[in-house]
Structure formats: C-alpha cells, structure tokens
Amino acid sequence: MKRMPVIMGHFPAGSSTKNFVHFSQFIKKEHLCAYDYGEKKNMVVYGQKTPPAYELGNINIPVHLYVGKYDKLATVADAKILFDRLTNSSGKVFIL
C-alpha cells in the first residue's frame, strides 16, 4: 500500500503501438499468447506458425487483479476468467 501513490502517480502511462496491437490480438483470439507477427515471421521468432500460448497454470505466486466495475477494457467478467485460469496461483480479484 505504501507504493500505491507512486504507482498511481504514473498511471495511465504511455505505451507503444506494438503493445496496443498485442492487446487487440488478445481480444480477437480470446486467449493469451505471445505477439503474433504473422506465419512467416512467427516461424523465425518462435519456430512455429502461431505464437506460443502463455501457460498461466505455470504461475505459482499470488496474483491480485484490480478492476473497476465501469472499466470498458478490463471488465470484471474478464478479470474473473483470467483469475480462474491462474490455476496454481493464490490471490484475489478486487473490484473497485
């Protein structure tokens, strides 16, 4: 809690176009995976045509998700789905 003023003092921060494209890929594909460069470059970068999925079950530390009930990008329902996929993690979903 002591760091929250510092964190919130820099929120929202800027981001790169690549980050926004990656976020849109999450939405379109409805699963979390590495950045999709397209089949040709994916073969170079990942050695396969599609980007590898993030193995959320491998995360075994506490994860706390904070979501606003009126947030249009990170919905409460999405936060709960994500939290349910963190099968080896403890933590909470906080609805603000």
N, C-alpha and C. Protein backbone atom coordinates (compact mmCIF):
# COMPACT_ATOMS: atom_id res chain seq x y z
N MET A 1 0.81 -1.19 0.00
CA MET A 1 0.00 0.00 0.00
C MET A 1 0.86 1.26 0.00
N LYS A 2 2.07 1.17 0.55
CA LYS A 2 2.93 2.34 0.58
C LYS A 2 3.34 2.79 -0.82
N ARG A 3 3.41 1.85 -1.79
CA ARG A 3 3.84 2.16 -3.15
C ARG A 3 2.71 2.65 -4.04
N MET A 4 1.44 2.45 -3.61
CA MET A 4 0.30 2.81 -4.45
C MET A 4 0.32 4.28 -4.89
N PRO A 5 0.64 5.25 -4.05
CA PRO A 5 0.69 6.64 -4.53
C PRO A 5 1.72 6.83 -5.66
N VAL A 6 2.85 6.13 -5.55
CA VAL A 6 3.87 6.22 -6.60
C VAL A 6 3.36 5.59 -7.89
N ILE A 7 2.79 4.39 -7.77
CA ILE A 7 2.27 3.69 -8.94
C ILE A 7 1.17 4.50 -9.60
N MET A 8 0.21 4.96 -8.82
CA MET A 8 -0.92 5.69 -9.38
C MET A 8 -0.50 7.07 -9.91
N GLY A 9 0.61 7.58 -9.42
CA GLY A 9 1.14 8.84 -9.92
C GLY A 9 1.64 8.75 -11.35
N HIS A 10 1.84 7.53 -11.83
CA HIS A 10 2.33 7.29 -13.19
C HIS A 10 1.31 6.55 -14.05
N PHE A 11 0.08 6.51 -13.58
CA PHE A 11 -0.97 5.78 -14.30
C PHE A 11 -2.03 6.74 -14.78
N PRO A 12 -2.55 6.70 -15.96
CA PRO A 12 -2.09 5.79 -17.01
C PRO A 12 -0.83 6.33 -17.66
N ALA A 13 0.03 5.45 -18.03
CA ALA A 13 1.28 5.82 -18.68
C ALA A 13 1.15 5.56 -20.18
N GLY A 14 2.05 6.11 -20.94
CA GLY A 14 2.05 5.88 -22.37
C GLY A 14 2.45 4.45 -22.70
N SER A 15 2.28 4.08 -23.94
CA SER A 15 2.64 2.74 -24.37
C SER A 15 3.00 2.78 -25.84
N SER A 16 3.57 1.70 -26.31
CA SER A 16 3.96 1.62 -27.72
C SER A 16 2.80 1.10 -28.56
N THR A 17 2.88 1.35 -29.84
CA THR A 17 1.88 0.82 -30.77
C THR A 17 1.86 -0.69 -30.72
N LYS A 18 3.03 -1.31 -30.61
CA LYS A 18 3.11 -2.77 -30.57
C LYS A 18 2.32 -3.32 -29.37
N ASN A 19 2.39 -2.64 -28.23
CA ASN A 19 1.60 -3.08 -27.07
C ASN A 19 0.11 -3.05 -27.37
N PHE A 20 -0.36 -1.98 -28.01
CA PHE A 20 -1.78 -1.87 -28.32
C PHE A 20 -2.21 -2.93 -29.34
N VAL A 21 -1.35 -3.22 -30.30
CA VAL A 21 -1.64 -4.28 -31.28
C VAL A 21 -1.72 -5.62 -30.55
N HIS A 22 -0.78 -5.86 -29.63
CA HIS A 22 -0.77 -7.12 -28.88
C HIS A 22 -2.06 -7.25 -28.05
N PHE A 23 -2.48 -6.17 -27.41
CA PHE A 23 -3.73 -6.19 -26.65
C PHE A 23 -4.91 -6.53 -27.56
N SER A 24 -4.93 -5.96 -28.76
CA SER A 24 -6.03 -6.25 -29.69
C SER A 24 -5.99 -7.71 -30.13
N GLN A 25 -4.80 -8.29 -30.22
CA GLN A 25 -4.69 -9.71 -30.56
C GLN A 25 -5.31 -10.57 -29.46
N PHE A 26 -5.10 -10.20 -28.20
CA PHE A 26 -5.73 -10.92 -27.10
C PHE A 26 -7.25 -10.93 -27.25
N ILE A 27 -7.79 -9.78 -27.59
CA ILE A 27 -9.24 -9.63 -27.70
C ILE A 27 -9.77 -10.47 -28.87
N LYS A 28 -9.11 -10.38 -30.01
CA LYS A 28 -9.57 -11.10 -31.20
C LYS A 28 -9.46 -12.61 -31.03
N LYS A 29 -8.39 -13.08 -30.41
CA LYS A 29 -8.15 -14.52 -30.29
C LYS A 29 -8.79 -15.14 -29.06
N GLU A 30 -9.13 -14.30 -28.11
CA GLU A 30 -9.75 -14.73 -26.85
C GLU A 30 -8.88 -15.69 -26.04
N HIS A 31 -7.57 -15.62 -26.24
CA HIS A 31 -6.64 -16.34 -25.37
C HIS A 31 -5.33 -15.58 -25.34
N LEU A 32 -4.54 -15.84 -24.33
CA LEU A 32 -3.30 -15.11 -24.14
C LEU A 32 -2.13 -15.85 -24.77
N CYS A 33 -1.48 -15.18 -25.68
CA CYS A 33 -0.30 -15.78 -26.32
C CYS A 33 0.70 -14.68 -26.65
N ALA A 34 1.88 -15.08 -27.05
CA ALA A 34 2.92 -14.15 -27.43
C ALA A 34 2.46 -13.33 -28.65
N TYR A 35 3.19 -12.29 -28.95
CA TYR A 35 2.86 -11.40 -30.06
C TYR A 35 2.81 -12.19 -31.38
N ASP A 36 1.76 -11.95 -32.16
CA ASP A 36 1.59 -12.63 -33.44
C ASP A 36 2.15 -11.75 -34.56
N TYR A 37 3.27 -12.18 -35.13
CA TYR A 37 3.91 -11.44 -36.21
C TYR A 37 3.39 -11.85 -37.59
N GLY A 38 2.56 -12.87 -37.64
CA GLY A 38 2.16 -13.48 -38.90
C GLY A 38 2.95 -14.76 -39.10
N GLU A 39 2.42 -15.67 -39.89
CA GLU A 39 3.02 -17.01 -40.01
C GLU A 39 4.50 -17.01 -40.35
N LYS A 40 4.89 -16.18 -41.32
CA LYS A 40 6.29 -16.20 -41.80
C LYS A 40 7.27 -15.77 -40.70
N LYS A 41 7.01 -14.63 -40.07
CA LYS A 41 7.92 -14.16 -39.04
C LYS A 41 7.78 -14.98 -37.75
N ASN A 42 6.58 -15.50 -37.48
CA ASN A 42 6.43 -16.38 -36.32
C ASN A 42 7.36 -17.59 -36.43
N MET A 43 7.53 -18.12 -37.66
CA MET A 43 8.44 -19.24 -37.86
C MET A 43 9.87 -18.86 -37.49
N VAL A 44 10.26 -17.63 -37.82
CA VAL A 44 11.61 -17.16 -37.50
C VAL A 44 11.75 -16.94 -35.99
N VAL A 45 10.77 -16.27 -35.41
CA VAL A 45 10.86 -15.88 -33.99
C VAL A 45 10.59 -17.06 -33.05
N TYR A 46 9.53 -17.82 -33.34
CA TYR A 46 9.09 -18.87 -32.41
C TYR A 46 9.33 -20.29 -32.90
N GLY A 47 9.67 -20.44 -34.20
CA GLY A 47 9.86 -21.78 -34.75
C GLY A 47 8.55 -22.51 -35.02
N GLN A 48 7.47 -21.76 -35.10
CA GLN A 48 6.15 -22.32 -35.40
C GLN A 48 5.29 -21.23 -36.04
N LYS A 49 4.23 -21.64 -36.72
CA LYS A 49 3.40 -20.68 -37.46
C LYS A 49 2.57 -19.77 -36.58
N THR A 50 2.22 -20.25 -35.41
CA THR A 50 1.42 -19.45 -34.49
C THR A 50 2.22 -19.11 -33.25
N PRO A 51 1.90 -18.00 -32.60
CA PRO A 51 2.64 -17.65 -31.39
C PRO A 51 2.31 -18.61 -30.25
N PRO A 52 3.27 -18.89 -29.40
CA PRO A 52 3.01 -19.80 -28.28
C PRO A 52 2.07 -19.17 -27.26
N ALA A 53 1.23 -20.01 -26.67
CA ALA A 53 0.31 -19.55 -25.63
C ALA A 53 1.07 -19.31 -24.34
N TYR A 54 0.61 -18.37 -23.55
CA TYR A 54 1.16 -18.18 -22.21
C TYR A 54 0.57 -19.26 -21.32
N GLU A 55 1.41 -20.00 -20.63
CA GLU A 55 0.97 -21.08 -19.76
C GLU A 55 0.66 -20.51 -18.37
N LEU A 56 -0.58 -20.03 -18.21
CA LEU A 56 -0.97 -19.37 -16.96
C LEU A 56 -0.94 -20.32 -15.77
N GLY A 57 -1.10 -21.61 -16.04
CA GLY A 57 -1.03 -22.60 -14.96
C GLY A 57 0.36 -22.73 -14.36
N ASN A 58 1.37 -22.21 -15.04
CA ASN A 58 2.74 -22.25 -14.52
C ASN A 58 3.03 -21.13 -13.52
N ILE A 59 2.13 -20.19 -13.41
CA ILE A 59 2.32 -19.08 -12.48
C ILE A 59 1.92 -19.56 -11.09
N ASN A 60 2.87 -19.56 -10.16
CA ASN A 60 2.58 -20.09 -8.84
C ASN A 60 2.91 -19.11 -7.72
N ILE A 61 2.69 -17.84 -7.99
CA ILE A 61 2.84 -16.80 -6.98
C ILE A 61 1.48 -16.11 -6.81
N PRO A 62 1.25 -15.46 -5.69
CA PRO A 62 -0.03 -14.76 -5.52
C PRO A 62 -0.20 -13.66 -6.57
N VAL A 63 -1.38 -13.61 -7.18
CA VAL A 63 -1.70 -12.60 -8.18
C VAL A 63 -2.97 -11.89 -7.72
N HIS A 64 -2.91 -10.57 -7.65
CA HIS A 64 -4.07 -9.78 -7.29
C HIS A 64 -4.45 -8.94 -8.50
N LEU A 65 -5.69 -9.06 -8.92
CA LEU A 65 -6.19 -8.32 -10.08
C LEU A 65 -7.11 -7.21 -9.59
N TYR A 66 -6.86 -6.00 -10.04
CA TYR A 66 -7.68 -4.85 -9.69
C TYR A 66 -8.44 -4.41 -10.92
N VAL A 67 -9.74 -4.32 -10.81
CA VAL A 67 -10.57 -3.96 -11.96
C VAL A 67 -11.69 -3.03 -11.49
N GLY A 68 -11.97 -2.02 -12.29
CA GLY A 68 -13.06 -1.11 -11.99
C GLY A 68 -14.36 -1.62 -12.59
N LYS A 69 -15.44 -1.50 -11.84
CA LYS A 69 -16.70 -2.06 -12.33
C LYS A 69 -17.22 -1.34 -13.56
N TYR A 70 -16.72 -0.13 -13.85
CA TYR A 70 -17.15 0.60 -15.05
C TYR A 70 -16.08 0.63 -16.14
N ASP A 71 -15.02 -0.12 -15.96
CA ASP A 71 -13.93 -0.16 -16.94
C ASP A 71 -14.41 -0.89 -18.19
N LYS A 72 -14.23 -0.27 -19.34
CA LYS A 72 -14.67 -0.87 -20.60
C LYS A 72 -13.64 -1.82 -21.20
N LEU A 73 -12.38 -1.67 -20.83
CA LEU A 73 -11.32 -2.52 -21.39
C LEU A 73 -11.03 -3.74 -20.54
N ALA A 74 -11.01 -3.58 -19.25
CA ALA A 74 -10.74 -4.69 -18.34
C ALA A 74 -11.99 -4.89 -17.50
N THR A 75 -12.89 -5.75 -17.96
CA THR A 75 -14.16 -5.94 -17.28
C THR A 75 -14.02 -6.87 -16.09
N VAL A 76 -14.98 -6.79 -15.19
CA VAL A 76 -15.00 -7.68 -14.03
C VAL A 76 -15.07 -9.13 -14.49
N ALA A 77 -15.91 -9.41 -15.48
CA ALA A 77 -16.05 -10.77 -16.00
C ALA A 77 -14.72 -11.27 -16.56
N ASP A 78 -14.02 -10.43 -17.32
CA ASP A 78 -12.72 -10.83 -17.87
C ASP A 78 -11.70 -11.10 -16.77
N ALA A 79 -11.70 -10.27 -15.72
CA ALA A 79 -10.77 -10.46 -14.61
C ALA A 79 -11.03 -11.79 -13.92
N LYS A 80 -12.30 -12.13 -13.76
CA LYS A 80 -12.63 -13.40 -13.11
C LYS A 80 -12.22 -14.58 -13.99
N ILE A 81 -12.40 -14.47 -15.30
CA ILE A 81 -11.97 -15.53 -16.22
C ILE A 81 -10.46 -15.71 -16.13
N LEU A 82 -9.72 -14.61 -16.19
CA LEU A 82 -8.26 -14.67 -16.07
C LEU A 82 -7.85 -15.31 -14.75
N PHE A 83 -8.46 -14.87 -13.67
CA PHE A 83 -8.09 -15.41 -12.36
C PHE A 83 -8.35 -16.92 -12.30
N ASP A 84 -9.46 -17.37 -12.88
CA ASP A 84 -9.77 -18.80 -12.89
C ASP A 84 -8.74 -19.61 -13.68
N ARG A 85 -8.10 -18.97 -14.66
CA ARG A 85 -7.08 -19.67 -15.46
C ARG A 85 -5.73 -19.71 -14.77
N LEU A 86 -5.56 -18.95 -13.71
CA LEU A 86 -4.34 -18.96 -12.91
C LEU A 86 -4.48 -20.08 -11.87
N THR A 87 -4.49 -21.30 -12.34
CA THR A 87 -4.86 -22.45 -11.52
C THR A 87 -3.90 -22.76 -10.38
N ASN A 88 -2.66 -22.35 -10.47
CA ASN A 88 -1.67 -22.62 -9.42
C ASN A 88 -1.33 -21.39 -8.61
N SER A 89 -2.15 -20.36 -8.71
CA SER A 89 -1.86 -19.10 -8.03
C SER A 89 -2.92 -18.79 -7.00
N SER A 90 -2.47 -18.24 -5.89
CA SER A 90 -3.43 -17.71 -4.93
C SER A 90 -3.56 -16.21 -5.18
N GLY A 91 -4.46 -15.58 -4.53
CA GLY A 91 -4.65 -14.14 -4.70
C GLY A 91 -6.12 -13.80 -4.70
N LYS A 92 -6.45 -12.64 -5.27
CA LYS A 92 -7.82 -12.14 -5.25
C LYS A 92 -8.10 -11.29 -6.47
N VAL A 93 -9.39 -11.11 -6.73
CA VAL A 93 -9.84 -10.13 -7.70
C VAL A 93 -10.47 -9.01 -6.89
N PHE A 94 -9.99 -7.80 -7.06
CA PHE A 94 -10.53 -6.64 -6.36
C PHE A 94 -11.35 -5.82 -7.32
N ILE A 95 -12.60 -5.58 -7.00
CA ILE A 95 -13.48 -4.77 -7.84
C ILE A 95 -13.59 -3.40 -7.21
N LEU A 96 -13.17 -2.40 -7.95
CA LEU A 96 -13.15 -1.02 -7.45
C LEU A 96 -14.33 -0.23 -7.97
